[in-house]
PDB file of N, CA and C in Angstrom:
ATOM      1  N   MET A   1     103.964  68.059   8.525  1.00  0.00           N
ATOM      2  CA  MET A   1     102.567  67.710   8.644  1.00  0.00           C
ATOM      3  C   MET A   1     101.780  68.974   8.984  1.00  0.00           C
ATOM      4  N   SER A   2     100.675  69.203   8.288  1.00  0.00           N
ATOM      5  CA  SER A   2      99.895  70.406   8.531  1.00  0.00           C
ATOM      6  C   SER A   2      98.662  70.095   9.374  1.00  0.00           C
ATOM      7  N   ASP A   3      98.215  71.101  10.113  1.00  0.00           N
ATOM      8  CA  ASP A   3      97.015  70.980  10.929  1.00  0.00           C
ATOM      9  C   ASP A   3      95.855  71.554  10.129  1.00  0.00           C
ATOM     10  N   ASN A   4      94.909  70.710   9.750  1.00  0.00           N
ATOM     11  CA  ASN A   4      93.775  71.153   8.947  1.00  0.00           C
ATOM     12  C   ASN A   4      92.531  71.414   9.781  1.00  0.00           C
ATOM     13  N   SER A   5      92.671  71.440  11.119  1.00  0.00           N
ATOM     14  CA  SER A   5      91.506  71.665  11.960  1.00  0.00           C
ATOM     15  C   SER A   5      91.014  73.105  11.807  1.00  0.00           C
ATOM     16  N   TYR A   6      89.772  73.321  12.232  1.00  0.00           N
ATOM     17  CA  TYR A   6      89.165  74.632  12.062  1.00  0.00           C
ATOM     18  C   TYR A   6      88.287  74.947  13.270  1.00  0.00           C
ATOM     19  N   ASN A   7      88.641  75.976  14.015  1.00  0.00           N
ATOM     20  CA  ASN A   7      87.865  76.419  15.186  1.00  0.00           C
ATOM     21  C   ASN A   7      87.530  75.275  16.148  1.00  0.00           C
ATOM     22  N   GLY A   8      88.452  74.371  16.349  1.00  0.00           N
ATOM     23  CA  GLY A   8      88.240  73.251  17.267  1.00  0.00           C
ATOM     24  C   GLY A   8      87.563  72.044  16.650  1.00  0.00           C
ATOM     25  N   TRP A   9      87.174  72.114  15.382  1.00  0.00           N
ATOM     26  CA  TRP A   9      86.537  71.002  14.684  1.00  0.00           C
ATOM     27  C   TRP A   9      87.556  70.341  13.760  1.00  0.00           C
ATOM     28  N   THR A  10      87.248  69.156  13.286  1.00  0.00           N
ATOM     29  CA  THR A  10      88.141  68.407  12.402  1.00  0.00           C
ATOM     30  C   THR A  10      88.585  69.221  11.195  1.00  0.00           C
ATOM     31  N   ASN A  11      87.642  69.908  10.573  1.00  0.00           N
ATOM     32  CA  ASN A  11      87.937  70.681   9.368  1.00  0.00           C
ATOM     33  C   ASN A  11      86.861  71.746   9.175  1.00  0.00           C
ATOM     34  N   TRP A  12      87.049  72.582   8.166  1.00  0.00           N
ATOM     35  CA  TRP A  12      86.096  73.653   7.886  1.00  0.00           C
ATOM     36  C   TRP A  12      84.714  73.105   7.566  1.00  0.00           C
ATOM     37  N   GLU A  13      84.628  72.035   6.812  1.00  0.00           N
ATOM     38  CA  GLU A  13      83.345  71.470   6.404  1.00  0.00           C
ATOM     39  C   GLU A  13      82.511  71.023   7.609  1.00  0.00           C
ATOM     40  N   THR A  14      83.174  70.388   8.581  1.00  0.00           N
ATOM     41  CA  THR A  14      82.471  69.937   9.788  1.00  0.00           C
ATOM     42  C   THR A  14      82.002  71.133  10.602  1.00  0.00           C
ATOM     43  N   TRP A  15      82.883  72.106  10.797  1.00  0.00           N
ATOM     44  CA  TRP A  15      82.526  73.320  11.527  1.00  0.00           C
ATOM     45  C   TRP A  15      81.364  74.030  10.850  1.00  0.00           C
ATOM     46  N   ASN A  16      81.431  74.168   9.539  1.00  0.00           N
ATOM     47  CA  ASN A  16      80.411  74.876   8.780  1.00  0.00           C
ATOM     48  C   ASN A  16      79.062  74.181   8.880  1.00  0.00           C
ATOM     49  N   MET A  17      79.039  72.863   8.721  1.00  0.00           N
ATOM     50  CA  MET A  17      77.781  72.123   8.804  1.00  0.00           C
ATOM     51  C   MET A  17      77.198  72.230  10.214  1.00  0.00           C
ATOM     52  N   ALA A  18      78.017  72.060  11.232  1.00  0.00           N
ATOM     53  CA  ALA A  18      77.537  72.173  12.612  1.00  0.00           C
ATOM     54  C   ALA A  18      76.976  73.564  12.879  1.00  0.00           C
ATOM     55  N   LEU A  19      77.638  74.572  12.372  1.00  0.00           N
ATOM     56  CA  LEU A  19      77.195  75.954  12.556  1.00  0.00           C
ATOM     57  C   LEU A  19      75.820  76.182  11.920  1.00  0.00           C
ATOM     58  N   TRP A  20      75.647  75.769  10.680  1.00  0.00           N
ATOM     59  CA  TRP A  20      74.371  75.957   9.999  1.00  0.00           C
ATOM     60  C   TRP A  20      73.253  75.150  10.666  1.00  0.00           C
ATOM     61  N   LEU A  21      73.534  73.903  11.025  1.00  0.00           N
ATOM     62  CA  LEU A  21      72.502  73.080  11.650  1.00  0.00           C
ATOM     63  C   LEU A  21      72.083  73.644  13.002  1.00  0.00           C
ATOM     64  N   ASP A  22      73.041  74.089  13.788  1.00  0.00           N
ATOM     65  CA  ASP A  22      72.718  74.619  15.115  1.00  0.00           C
ATOM     66  C   ASP A  22      72.056  75.993  15.069  1.00  0.00           C
ATOM     67  N   ASN A  23      72.165  76.687  13.961  1.00  0.00           N
ATOM     68  CA  ASN A  23      71.552  78.010  13.847  1.00  0.00           C
ATOM     69  C   ASN A  23      70.212  77.985  13.126  1.00  0.00           C
ATOM     70  N   ASP A  24      69.715  76.800  12.836  1.00  0.00           N
ATOM     71  CA  ASP A  24      68.384  76.628  12.257  1.00  0.00           C
ATOM     72  C   ASP A  24      67.472  76.207  13.411  1.00  0.00           C
ATOM     73  N   GLU A  25      66.631  77.117  13.900  1.00  0.00           N
ATOM     74  CA  GLU A  25      65.862  76.862  15.114  1.00  0.00           C
ATOM     75  C   GLU A  25      64.980  75.626  15.029  1.00  0.00           C
ATOM     76  N   SER A  26      64.289  75.443  13.919  1.00  0.00           N
ATOM     77  CA  SER A  26      63.403  74.283  13.813  1.00  0.00           C
ATOM     78  C   SER A  26      64.205  72.981  13.807  1.00  0.00           C
ATOM     79  N   PHE A  27      65.343  72.958  13.104  1.00  0.00           N
ATOM     80  CA  PHE A  27      66.171  71.760  13.111  1.00  0.00           C
ATOM     81  C   PHE A  27      66.786  71.535  14.485  1.00  0.00           C
ATOM     82  N   TYR A  28      67.220  72.593  15.124  1.00  0.00           N
ATOM     83  CA  TYR A  28      67.796  72.494  16.467  1.00  0.00           C
ATOM     84  C   TYR A  28      66.802  71.848  17.424  1.00  0.00           C
ATOM     85  N   ASN A  29      65.553  72.310  17.420  1.00  0.00           N
ATOM     86  CA  ASN A  29      64.536  71.740  18.303  1.00  0.00           C
ATOM     87  C   ASN A  29      64.249  70.287  17.964  1.00  0.00           C
ATOM     88  N   LEU A  30      64.205  69.966  16.686  1.00  0.00           N
ATOM     89  CA  LEU A  30      63.982  68.592  16.257  1.00  0.00           C
ATOM     90  C   LEU A  30      65.129  67.681  16.680  1.00  0.00           C
ATOM     91  N   ARG A  31      66.339  68.119  16.467  1.00  0.00           N
ATOM     92  CA  ARG A  31      67.484  67.265  16.788  1.00  0.00           C
ATOM     93  C   ARG A  31      67.655  67.059  18.288  1.00  0.00           C
ATOM     94  N   ARG A  32      67.222  68.017  19.088  1.00  0.00           N
ATOM     95  CA  ARG A  32      67.344  67.854  20.537  1.00  0.00           C
ATOM     96  C   ARG A  32      66.418  66.766  21.055  1.00  0.00           C
ATOM     97  N   CYS A  33      65.406  66.406  20.290  1.00  0.00           N
ATOM     98  CA  CYS A  33      64.459  65.371  20.704  1.00  0.00           C
ATOM     99  C   CYS A  33      64.641  64.082  19.911  1.00  0.00           C
ATOM    100  N   THR A  34      65.765  63.938  19.252  1.00  0.00           N
ATOM    101  CA  THR A  34      66.045  62.761  18.441  1.00  0.00           C
ATOM    102  C   THR A  34      67.185  61.977  19.061  1.00  0.00           C
ATOM    103  N   ASN A  35      67.023  60.673  19.124  1.00  0.00           N
ATOM    104  CA  ASN A  35      68.062  59.808  19.664  1.00  0.00           C
ATOM    105  C   ASN A  35      69.014  59.426  18.530  1.00  0.00           C
ATOM    106  N   TRP A  36      70.226  59.935  18.583  1.00  0.00           N
ATOM    107  CA  TRP A  36      71.207  59.726  17.509  1.00  0.00           C
ATOM    108  C   TRP A  36      72.064  58.496  17.782  1.00  0.00           C
ATOM    109  N   ARG A  37      71.460  57.333  17.802  1.00  0.00           N
ATOM    110  CA  ARG A  37      72.208  56.105  18.101  1.00  0.00           C
ATOM    111  C   ARG A  37      73.092  55.654  16.945  1.00  0.00           C
ATOM    112  N   SER A  38      72.701  55.931  15.747  1.00  0.00           N
ATOM    113  CA  SER A  38      73.431  55.415  14.599  1.00  0.00           C
ATOM    114  C   SER A  38      73.961  56.550  13.729  1.00  0.00           C
ATOM    115  N   LEU A  39      75.258  56.579  13.564  1.00  0.00           N
ATOM    116  CA  LEU A  39      75.913  57.624  12.788  1.00  0.00           C
ATOM    117  C   LEU A  39      75.395  57.738  11.366  1.00  0.00           C
ATOM    118  N   GLU A  40      75.188  56.611  10.718  1.00  0.00           N
ATOM    119  CA  GLU A  40      74.788  56.653   9.318  1.00  0.00           C
ATOM    120  C   GLU A  40      73.378  57.220   9.133  1.00  0.00           C
ATOM    121  N   ASN A  41      72.654  57.412  10.198  1.00  0.00           N
ATOM    122  CA  ASN A  41      71.316  57.973  10.090  1.00  0.00           C
ATOM    123  C   ASN A  41      71.304  59.468   9.791  1.00  0.00           C
ATOM    124  N   MET A  42      72.367  60.173  10.101  1.00  0.00           N
ATOM    125  CA  MET A  42      72.339  61.623   9.982  1.00  0.00           C
ATOM    126  C   MET A  42      72.091  62.118   8.559  1.00  0.00           C
ATOM    127  N   PRO A  43      72.892  61.757   7.559  1.00  0.00           N
ATOM    128  CA  PRO A  43      72.589  62.221   6.200  1.00  0.00           C
ATOM    129  C   PRO A  43      71.210  61.760   5.726  1.00  0.00           C
ATOM    130  N   LYS A  44      70.816  60.542   6.085  1.00  0.00           N
ATOM    131  CA  LYS A  44      69.501  60.024   5.714  1.00  0.00           C
ATOM    132  C   LYS A  44      68.405  60.856   6.385  1.00  0.00           C
ATOM    133  N   PHE A  45      68.589  61.170   7.647  1.00  0.00           N
ATOM    134  CA  PHE A  45      67.634  61.990   8.385  1.00  0.00           C
ATOM    135  C   PHE A  45      67.478  63.362   7.729  1.00  0.00           C
ATOM    136  N   LEU A  46      68.581  63.984   7.355  1.00  0.00           N
ATOM    137  CA  LEU A  46      68.512  65.283   6.691  1.00  0.00           C
ATOM    138  C   LEU A  46      67.709  65.196   5.406  1.00  0.00           C
ATOM    139  N   ASN A  47      67.948  64.146   4.648  1.00  0.00           N
ATOM    140  CA  ASN A  47      67.231  63.958   3.387  1.00  0.00           C
ATOM    141  C   ASN A  47      65.742  63.712   3.613  1.00  0.00           C
ATOM    142  N   GLU A  48      65.421  62.826   4.548  1.00  0.00           N
ATOM    143  CA  GLU A  48      64.023  62.466   4.791  1.00  0.00           C
ATOM    144  C   GLU A  48      63.203  63.615   5.364  1.00  0.00           C
ATOM    145  N   THR A  49      63.822  64.490   6.114  1.00  0.00           N
ATOM    146  CA  THR A  49      63.083  65.620   6.674  1.00  0.00           C
ATOM    147  C   THR A  49      63.011  66.784   5.708  1.00  0.00           C
ATOM    148  N   GLY A  50      63.612  66.626   4.544  1.00  0.00           N
ATOM    149  CA  GLY A  50      63.588  67.690   3.554  1.00  0.00           C
ATOM    150  C   GLY A  50      64.478  68.854   3.918  1.00  0.00           C
ATOM    151  N   SER A  51      65.456  68.592   4.754  1.00  0.00           N
ATOM    152  CA  SER A  51      66.363  69.649   5.193  1.00  0.00           C
ATOM    153  C   SER A  51      67.102  70.269   4.009  1.00  0.00           C
ATOM    154  N   VAL A  52      67.239  71.565   4.052  1.00  0.00           N
ATOM    155  CA  VAL A  52      68.007  72.253   3.009  1.00  0.00           C
ATOM    156  C   VAL A  52      69.486  71.887   3.096  1.00  0.00           C
ATOM    157  N   TYR A  53      69.890  71.229   4.179  1.00  0.00           N
ATOM    158  CA  TYR A  53      71.293  70.860   4.367  1.00  0.00           C
ATOM    159  C   TYR A  53      71.593  69.424   3.954  1.00  0.00           C
ATOM    160  N   SER A  54      70.659  68.775   3.288  1.00  0.00           N
ATOM    161  CA  SER A  54      70.867  67.377   2.904  1.00  0.00           C
ATOM    162  C   SER A  54      71.943  67.202   1.841  1.00  0.00           C
ATOM    163  N   ARG A  55      72.376  68.287   1.227  1.00  0.00           N
ATOM    164  CA  ARG A  55      73.470  68.215   0.241  1.00  0.00           C
ATOM    165  C   ARG A  55      74.583  69.187   0.572  1.00  0.00           C
ATOM    166  N   GLY A  56      74.487  69.771   1.746  1.00  0.00           N
ATOM    167  CA  GLY A  56      75.500  70.735   2.166  1.00  0.00           C
ATOM    168  C   GLY A  56      74.868  72.028   2.625  1.00  0.00           C
ATOM    169  N   THR A  57      75.696  73.013   2.888  1.00  0.00           N
ATOM    170  CA  THR A  57      75.221  74.319   3.322  1.00  0.00           C
ATOM    171  C   THR A  57      75.377  75.314   2.177  1.00  0.00           C
ATOM    172  N   PRO A  58      74.790  76.492   2.292  1.00  0.00           N
ATOM    173  CA  PRO A  58      74.971  77.491   1.235  1.00  0.00           C
ATOM    174  C   PRO A  58      76.434  77.870   1.003  1.00  0.00           C
ATOM    175  N   ASP A  59      77.282  77.674   1.990  1.00  0.00           N
ATOM    176  CA  ASP A  59      78.698  78.004   1.867  1.00  0.00           C
ATOM    177  C   ASP A  59      79.524  76.919   1.188  1.00  0.00           C
ATOM    178  N   MET A  60      78.969  75.726   1.073  1.00  0.00           N
ATOM    179  CA  MET A  60      79.726  74.588   0.530  1.00  0.00           C
ATOM    180  C   MET A  60      79.547  74.471  -0.978  1.00  0.00           C
ATOM    181  N   ASN A  61      80.532  73.852  -1.594  1.00  0.00           N
ATOM    182  CA  ASN A  61      80.324  73.455  -2.986  1.00  0.00           C
ATOM    183  C   ASN A  61      79.989  71.964  -2.981  1.00  0.00           C
ATOM    184  N   GLY A  62      79.682  71.400  -4.084  1.00  0.00           N
ATOM    185  CA  GLY A  62      79.211  70.019  -4.161  1.00  0.00           C
ATOM    186  C   GLY A  62      80.149  68.961  -3.609  1.00  0.00           C
ATOM    187  N   THR A  63      81.424  69.254  -3.523  1.00  0.00           N
ATOM    188  CA  THR A  63      82.372  68.235  -3.068  1.00  0.00           C
ATOM    189  C   THR A  63      82.679  68.317  -1.576  1.00  0.00           C
ATOM    190  N   ASP A  64      82.206  69.355  -0.899  1.00  0.00           N
ATOM    191  CA  ASP A  64      82.525  69.529   0.523  1.00  0.00           C
ATOM    192  C   ASP A  64      81.747  68.608   1.445  1.00  0.00           C
ATOM    193  N   PHE A  65      80.536  68.222   1.069  1.00  0.00           N
ATOM    194  CA  PHE A  65      79.649  67.461   1.943  1.00  0.00           C
ATOM    195  C   PHE A  65      80.291  66.159   2.426  1.00  0.00           C
ATOM    196  N   TYR A  66      81.019  65.488   1.560  1.00  0.00           N
ATOM    197  CA  TYR A  66      81.611  64.206   1.941  1.00  0.00           C
ATOM    198  C   TYR A  66      82.707  64.349   3.003  1.00  0.00           C
ATOM    199  N   ARG A  67      83.213  65.536   3.207  1.00  0.00           N
ATOM    200  CA  ARG A  67      84.278  65.759   4.186  1.00  0.00           C
ATOM    201  C   ARG A  67      83.760  66.042   5.600  1.00  0.00           C
ATOM    202  N   VAL A  68      82.443  66.170   5.751  1.00  0.00           N
ATOM    203  CA  VAL A  68      81.871  66.452   7.069  1.00  0.00           C
ATOM    204  C   VAL A  68      82.105  65.259   7.988  1.00  0.00           C
ATOM    205  N   ASN A  69      82.619  65.524   9.168  1.00  0.00           N
ATOM    206  CA  ASN A  69      82.856  64.488  10.169  1.00  0.00           C
ATOM    207  C   ASN A  69      81.596  64.369  11.027  1.00  0.00           C
ATOM    208  N   TRP A  70      80.682  63.500  10.599  1.00  0.00           N
ATOM    209  CA  TRP A  70      79.397  63.346  11.295  1.00  0.00           C
ATOM    210  C   TRP A  70      79.591  62.840  12.713  1.00  0.00           C
ATOM    211  N   THR A  71      80.591  62.005  12.926  1.00  0.00           N
ATOM    212  CA  THR A  71      80.862  61.486  14.268  1.00  0.00           C
ATOM    213  C   THR A  71      81.106  62.638  15.234  1.00  0.00           C
ATOM    214  N   GLU A  72      81.895  63.588  14.811  1.00  0.00           N
ATOM    215  CA  GLU A  72      82.209  64.719  15.671  1.00  0.00           C
ATOM    216  C   GLU A  72      80.968  65.569  15.960  1.00  0.00           C
ATOM    217  N   ILE A  73      80.175  65.829  14.942  1.00  0.00           N
ATOM    218  CA  ILE A  73      78.951  66.608  15.144  1.00  0.00           C
ATOM    219  C   ILE A  73      78.000  65.875  16.079  1.00  0.00           C
ATOM    220  N   LEU A  74      77.776  64.604  15.821  1.00  0.00           N
ATOM    221  CA  LEU A  74      76.847  63.834  16.651  1.00  0.00           C
ATOM    222  C   LEU A  74      77.322  63.732  18.093  1.00  0.00           C
ATOM    223  N   ASN A  75      78.615  63.561  18.288  1.00  0.00           N
ATOM    224  CA  ASN A  75      79.140  63.509  19.652  1.00  0.00           C
ATOM    225  C   ASN A  75      78.916  64.821  20.384  1.00  0.00           C
ATOM    226  N   SER A  76      78.991  65.923  19.666  1.00  0.00           N
ATOM    227  CA  SER A  76      78.762  67.220  20.303  1.00  0.00           C
ATOM    228  C   SER A  76      77.291  67.401  20.680  1.00  0.00           C
ATOM    229  N   TRP A  77      76.396  66.701  20.002  1.00  0.00           N
ATOM    230  CA  TRP A  77      74.967  66.816  20.278  1.00  0.00           C
ATOM    231  C   TRP A  77      74.501  65.902  21.402  1.00  0.00           C
ATOM    232  N   LYS A  78      75.209  64.834  21.654  1.00  0.00           N
ATOM    233  CA  LYS A  78      74.747  63.836  22.621  1.00  0.00           C
ATOM    234  C   LYS A  78      74.473  64.436  23.994  1.00  0.00           C
ATOM    235  N   GLU A  79      75.236  65.424  24.394  1.00  0.00           N
ATOM    236  CA  GLU A  79      75.062  66.056  25.699  1.00  0.00           C
ATOM    237  C   GLU A  79      73.736  66.800  25.796  1.00  0.00           C
ATOM    238  N   GLU A  80      73.164  67.185  24.678  1.00  0.00           N
ATOM    239  CA  GLU A  80      71.968  68.018  24.674  1.00  0.00           C
ATOM    240  C   GLU A  80      70.687  67.244  24.435  1.00  0.00           C
ATOM    241  N   GLU A  81      70.755  65.939  24.229  1.00  0.00           N
ATOM    242  CA  GLU A  81      69.547  65.167  23.944  1.00  0.00           C
ATOM    243  C   GLU A  81      68.579  65.259  25.122  1.00  0.00           C
ATOM    244  N   VAL A  82      67.307  65.431  24.811  1.00  0.00           N
ATOM    245  CA  VAL A  82      66.295  65.559  25.861  1.00  0.00           C
ATOM    246  C   VAL A  82      65.185  64.517  25.719  1.00  0.00           C
ATOM    247  N   TYR A  83      65.370  63.528  24.842  1.00  0.00           N
ATOM    248  CA  TYR A  83      64.340  62.501  24.636  1.00  0.00           C
ATOM    249  C   TYR A  83      64.193  61.650  25.886  1.00  0.00           C
ATOM    250  N   ASP A  84      63.037  61.019  26.011  1.00  0.00           N
ATOM    251  CA  ASP A  84      62.778  60.130  27.169  1.00  0.00           C
ATOM    252  C   ASP A  84      62.972  58.693  26.773  1.00  0.00           C
TER     253      ASP A  84
END
């Protein structure tokens, strides 16, 4: 059995998406004030806000997006939420 994890994340795709999202200052500020109660909202949120990451990152090819572990990314963000 092989270990496909990457830098402490489930896989490269999850690590890569988290890295790009967290390094976009405007998205970072927006996400810190958003209540992420529902997992399925994340891809929809990216699309609705016109995020350049709604189909992946510049490092991904078209098939990588589906491999992103949104649960893991969202769980890592929950500690930083600042909404009232």
